[in-house]
Amino acid sequence: MTSSGDGLPEGRRPHEGGSGAGGPEDDGGRRRRILRLRPFTWPWLSACLTVTLAAVSLAMRLDTPAQRLSWRAWSSTNLANLHDHPAAALIASAVVPDGDDMLWVCLLALGLGILERTVGRWRAGLTVLLAHLGGTAVSEGVVAWRIHAGALPTSSRHIIDTGPSYLVVAALVGVTACSAARRSFRVICGLIALALAPSLLAGLTSLDVAAVGHLCAAGTGAVLSRTSRVRNSRHKPPSPAPAP
């Protein structure tokens, strides 16, 4: 290693302009590296689902009551529809509201938007998808079992059950249980989930379809969101090398 005229090794001389190892140029480079590791992504999934739900809600408000009931009957994830058109019913039931449509629009945008920004688009999508499928499968499985046991009439195969509540519950509980989310977001989503719990879980002791589905959706959101630690550690900026 050669030395300069000022007595400092050439490899350790500060850059001209006065920025040393901890100067503004070094800080800017560190910020750029972090941005490359954790790029900003817009919550496109929550935006698309929210816009779709809002559009369907508006269209149904402009329809006649008889037509609205017809749409809900066709899109319900009941045993009859799951046997006749399962894919269409599962997709449509998530965006066909069941009263208080604007409330669900706002809650979906809030909960899923925060979850998507925290754990990523694919994991957030997987969380709400599995919550919707799992909540439907378990709740309708309970209905089928109770019909077979004689505890429910066969007309229960045609119950009307639609709305994005399984998605919303999974997103809100997922954010609350996610250690990677901001504390303020976790508190807000947790308080909303607690406020909704009495109405969403009403009838759970009597194995009500919606209550059973909401409980399954909440469990799915809580379990899957805990795996966000893996993503967080993978994107953690590397520690600076120790000074020689």
Protein backbone atom coordinates (compact mmCIF):
# COMPACT_ATOMS: atom_id res chain seq x y z
CA MET A 1 0.00 0.00 0.00
CA THR A 2 1.47 3.36 -0.98
CA SER A 3 1.26 6.55 0.99
CA SER A 4 0.41 10.04 -0.15
CA GLY A 5 2.22 13.18 0.69
CA ASP A 6 -0.03 13.93 3.64
CA GLY A 7 0.96 10.76 5.42
CA LEU A 8 -2.30 8.86 4.83
CA PRO A 9 -2.48 5.62 2.85
CA GLU A 10 -4.01 6.26 -0.54
CA GLY A 11 -6.69 3.58 -0.03
CA ARG A 12 -7.94 5.35 3.10
CA ARG A 13 -7.83 8.97 2.02
CA PRO A 14 -11.22 10.72 2.31
CA HIS A 15 -12.92 11.60 -0.97
CA GLU A 16 -12.49 15.08 -2.23
CA GLY A 17 -15.36 17.27 -1.15
CA GLY A 18 -15.08 16.25 2.52
CA SER A 19 -17.35 13.15 2.55
CA GLY A 20 -15.73 10.41 4.57
CA ALA A 21 -16.97 6.93 5.50
CA GLY A 22 -20.05 8.30 7.22
CA GLY A 23 -20.67 11.23 4.91
CA PRO A 24 -23.74 12.04 2.86
CA GLU A 25 -22.53 10.11 -0.19
CA ASP A 26 -22.19 6.95 1.90
CA ASP A 27 -25.66 7.44 3.43
CA GLY A 28 -27.19 7.98 -0.01
CA GLY A 29 -25.63 4.80 -1.31
CA ARG A 30 -26.94 2.86 1.69
CA ARG A 31 -30.47 4.21 1.09
CA ARG A 32 -30.29 3.23 -2.58
CA ARG A 33 -29.22 -0.30 -1.64
CA ILE A 34 -32.14 -0.63 0.78
CA LEU A 35 -34.58 0.61 -1.85
CA ARG A 36 -33.27 -1.96 -4.30
CA LEU A 37 -33.70 -4.70 -1.70
CA ARG A 38 -37.20 -3.58 -0.64
CA PRO A 39 -38.77 -1.83 -3.63
CA PHE A 40 -42.01 0.09 -3.11
CA THR A 41 -44.98 -1.76 -4.54
CA TRP A 42 -48.48 -0.43 -4.82
CA PRO A 43 -51.23 -2.66 -3.31
CA TRP A 44 -52.70 -3.57 -6.68
CA LEU A 45 -54.49 -6.67 -5.37
CA SER A 46 -56.46 -4.80 -2.72
CA ALA A 47 -57.16 -1.96 -5.17
CA CYS A 48 -58.57 -4.35 -7.81
CA LEU A 49 -60.73 -6.25 -5.32
CA THR A 50 -61.98 -3.05 -3.71
CA VAL A 51 -62.91 -1.48 -7.05
CA THR A 52 -64.65 -4.69 -8.13
CA LEU A 53 -66.63 -4.88 -4.90
CA ALA A 54 -67.61 -1.22 -5.16
CA ALA A 55 -68.71 -1.62 -8.78
CA VAL A 56 -70.82 -4.70 -8.03
CA SER A 57 -72.34 -2.97 -5.00
CA LEU A 58 -73.29 0.04 -7.09
CA ALA A 59 -74.76 -2.13 -9.83
CA MET A 60 -76.85 -4.06 -7.32
CA ARG A 61 -78.13 -0.85 -5.75
CA LEU A 62 -79.45 0.18 -9.16
CA ASP A 63 -81.18 -3.18 -9.62
CA THR A 64 -84.63 -4.16 -8.42
CA PRO A 65 -84.96 -6.03 -5.10
CA ALA A 66 -86.05 -9.16 -6.95
CA GLN A 67 -83.00 -9.02 -9.22
CA ARG A 68 -80.68 -8.44 -6.25
CA LEU A 69 -82.10 -11.50 -4.51
CA SER A 70 -81.66 -13.50 -7.71
CA TRP A 71 -78.01 -12.50 -7.98
CA ARG A 72 -77.36 -13.41 -4.36
CA ALA A 73 -79.13 -16.74 -4.69
CA TRP A 74 -77.01 -17.65 -7.75
CA SER A 75 -73.70 -16.55 -6.24
CA SER A 76 -74.18 -18.02 -2.75
CA THR A 77 -71.67 -20.65 -1.73
CA ASN A 78 -74.32 -23.08 -0.56
CA LEU A 79 -74.35 -26.84 -1.13
CA ALA A 80 -76.64 -26.62 -4.14
CA ASN A 81 -74.52 -24.03 -5.96
CA LEU A 82 -71.25 -25.72 -5.03
CA HIS A 83 -72.57 -28.83 -6.71
CA ASP A 84 -73.96 -27.02 -9.76
CA HIS A 85 -71.43 -24.22 -10.48
CA PRO A 86 -68.71 -24.30 -7.80
CA ALA A 87 -66.07 -22.06 -9.42
CA ALA A 88 -68.51 -19.32 -10.40
CA ALA A 89 -70.16 -19.35 -6.99
CA LEU A 90 -66.84 -19.17 -5.12
CA ILE A 91 -65.64 -16.23 -7.21
CA ALA A 92 -68.91 -14.29 -7.30
CA SER A 93 -69.79 -14.77 -3.65
CA ALA A 94 -66.68 -12.82 -2.58
CA VAL A 95 -67.77 -9.64 -4.40
CA VAL A 96 -71.56 -9.80 -4.08
CA PRO A 97 -72.34 -7.90 -0.87
CA ASP A 98 -74.91 -8.79 1.74
CA GLY A 99 -75.96 -5.42 3.15
CA ASP A 100 -73.68 -2.60 4.43
CA ASP A 101 -71.82 -2.80 1.15
CA MET A 102 -69.90 0.47 1.50
CA LEU A 103 -68.71 -0.58 4.95
CA TRP A 104 -67.24 -3.77 3.52
CA VAL A 105 -65.63 -1.81 0.68
CA CYS A 106 -63.82 0.41 3.17
CA LEU A 107 -62.80 -2.45 5.44
CA LEU A 108 -61.50 -4.50 2.51
CA ALA A 109 -59.41 -1.58 1.25
CA LEU A 110 -57.99 -0.98 4.72
CA GLY A 111 -57.29 -4.53 5.86
CA LEU A 112 -56.11 -6.07 2.61
CA GLY A 113 -54.21 -2.94 1.63
CA ILE A 114 -52.15 -3.01 4.84
CA LEU A 115 -51.66 -6.77 4.65
CA GLU A 116 -50.46 -6.57 1.05
CA ARG A 117 -47.99 -3.77 1.82
CA THR A 118 -46.70 -5.73 4.83
CA VAL A 119 -46.29 -9.30 3.59
CA GLY A 120 -46.39 -8.84 -0.18
CA ARG A 121 -48.98 -9.25 -2.90
CA TRP A 122 -48.71 -13.01 -3.36
CA ARG A 123 -48.80 -13.90 0.31
CA ALA A 124 -51.69 -11.53 0.98
CA GLY A 125 -53.59 -13.00 -1.96
CA LEU A 126 -52.90 -16.53 -0.78
CA THR A 127 -54.07 -15.64 2.72
CA VAL A 128 -57.47 -14.26 1.69
CA LEU A 129 -57.94 -16.97 -0.96
CA LEU A 130 -57.36 -19.80 1.50
CA ALA A 131 -59.52 -18.02 4.07
CA HIS A 132 -62.38 -17.80 1.58
CA LEU A 133 -62.01 -21.39 0.42
CA GLY A 134 -61.42 -22.78 3.90
CA GLY A 135 -64.25 -20.86 5.51
CA THR A 136 -66.62 -22.00 2.79
CA ALA A 137 -65.50 -25.63 2.89
CA VAL A 138 -65.72 -25.97 6.67
CA SER A 139 -69.01 -24.10 7.13
CA GLU A 140 -70.76 -25.88 4.28
CA GLY A 141 -69.27 -29.17 5.41
CA VAL A 142 -70.91 -28.62 8.80
CA VAL A 143 -74.23 -27.91 7.03
CA ALA A 144 -73.95 -31.12 5.00
CA TRP A 145 -73.16 -33.12 8.12
CA ARG A 146 -76.10 -31.62 10.05
CA ILE A 147 -78.49 -32.29 7.14
CA HIS A 148 -77.30 -35.89 7.03
CA ALA A 149 -77.78 -36.19 10.81
CA GLY A 150 -81.29 -34.75 10.58
CA ALA A 151 -80.45 -31.61 12.54
CA LEU A 152 -81.24 -29.35 9.55
CA PRO A 153 -83.88 -29.60 6.81
CA THR A 154 -82.82 -30.28 3.23
CA SER A 155 -83.80 -26.72 2.34
CA SER A 156 -80.57 -25.65 4.06
CA ARG A 157 -78.77 -26.69 0.88
CA HIS A 158 -80.08 -23.44 -0.65
CA ILE A 159 -79.22 -20.94 2.09
CA ILE A 160 -78.02 -17.53 0.90
CA ASP A 161 -74.49 -16.68 2.01
CA THR A 162 -72.51 -14.05 0.11
CA GLY A 163 -70.17 -11.16 0.80
CA PRO A 164 -66.46 -10.38 1.25
CA SER A 165 -66.52 -10.85 5.02
CA TYR A 166 -64.22 -13.91 4.96
CA LEU A 167 -61.61 -11.88 3.04
CA VAL A 168 -61.97 -8.89 5.36
CA VAL A 169 -61.75 -10.94 8.54
CA ALA A 170 -58.66 -12.80 7.29
CA ALA A 171 -56.96 -9.53 6.34
CA LEU A 172 -57.75 -7.72 9.60
CA VAL A 173 -56.71 -10.64 11.81
CA GLY A 174 -53.68 -11.25 9.60
CA VAL A 175 -52.42 -7.71 10.10
CA THR A 176 -53.11 -7.92 13.83
CA ALA A 177 -51.13 -11.15 14.19
CA CYS A 178 -48.29 -10.12 11.87
CA SER A 179 -45.19 -9.09 13.79
CA ALA A 180 -43.79 -7.39 10.69
CA ALA A 181 -46.67 -4.88 10.54
CA ARG A 182 -46.45 -1.46 12.15
CA ARG A 183 -47.75 -1.35 15.69
CA SER A 184 -50.28 1.36 14.84
CA PHE A 185 -51.67 -0.74 11.98
CA ARG A 186 -51.89 -3.81 14.21
CA VAL A 187 -53.77 -1.86 16.87
CA ILE A 188 -56.23 -0.32 14.37
CA CYS A 189 -56.99 -3.64 12.64
CA GLY A 190 -57.23 -5.43 15.97
CA LEU A 191 -59.74 -2.95 17.34
CA ILE A 192 -61.86 -3.19 14.18
CA ALA A 193 -61.79 -6.99 14.34
CA LEU A 194 -62.86 -6.90 17.98
CA ALA A 195 -65.68 -4.49 17.18
CA LEU A 196 -66.94 -6.77 14.40
CA ALA A 197 -66.56 -10.01 16.35
CA PRO A 198 -69.92 -9.99 18.20
CA SER A 199 -71.91 -9.72 14.98
CA LEU A 200 -69.67 -11.93 12.83
CA LEU A 201 -69.50 -14.75 15.39
CA ALA A 202 -73.15 -14.60 16.44
CA GLY A 203 -74.63 -18.08 16.39
CA LEU A 204 -71.30 -19.88 16.67
CA THR A 205 -72.54 -22.11 19.50
CA SER A 206 -75.39 -23.28 17.25
CA LEU A 207 -72.94 -23.82 14.33
CA ASP A 208 -74.32 -20.96 12.24
CA VAL A 209 -72.86 -21.08 8.72
CA ALA A 210 -71.47 -17.53 8.66
CA ALA A 211 -70.09 -17.71 12.21
CA VAL A 212 -68.22 -20.94 11.53
CA GLY A 213 -66.83 -19.52 8.29
CA HIS A 214 -65.69 -16.31 9.98
CA LEU A 215 -63.89 -18.25 12.70
CA CYS A 216 -62.06 -20.35 10.09
CA ALA A 217 -61.15 -17.24 8.09
CA ALA A 218 -59.75 -15.54 11.20
CA GLY A 219 -57.66 -18.60 12.03
CA THR A 220 -56.33 -18.78 8.48
CA GLY A 221 -55.34 -15.12 8.49
CA ALA A 222 -53.59 -15.43 11.86
CA VAL A 223 -51.63 -18.56 10.95
CA LEU A 224 -50.49 -17.52 7.48
CA SER A 225 -49.49 -13.99 8.48
CA ARG A 226 -47.01 -15.34 11.05
CA THR A 227 -44.83 -16.67 8.21
CA SER A 228 -44.09 -13.09 7.14
CA ARG A 229 -40.96 -13.24 9.29
CA VAL A 230 -39.35 -15.32 6.55
CA ARG A 231 -39.92 -12.59 3.97
CA ASN A 232 -38.72 -9.91 6.36
CA SER A 233 -35.45 -11.67 7.09
CA ARG A 234 -34.86 -12.42 3.42
CA HIS A 235 -35.12 -8.73 2.55
CA LYS A 236 -33.18 -7.46 5.55
CA PRO A 237 -30.32 -5.18 4.43
CA PRO A 238 -26.88 -6.72 4.97
CA SER A 239 -24.96 -5.61 8.03
CA PRO A 240 -22.02 -3.27 7.32
CA ALA A 241 -18.60 -4.91 7.33
CA PRO A 242 -16.55 -4.24 10.47
CA ALA A 243 -13.90 -1.57 10.16
CA PRO A 244 -10.35 -2.94 9.80
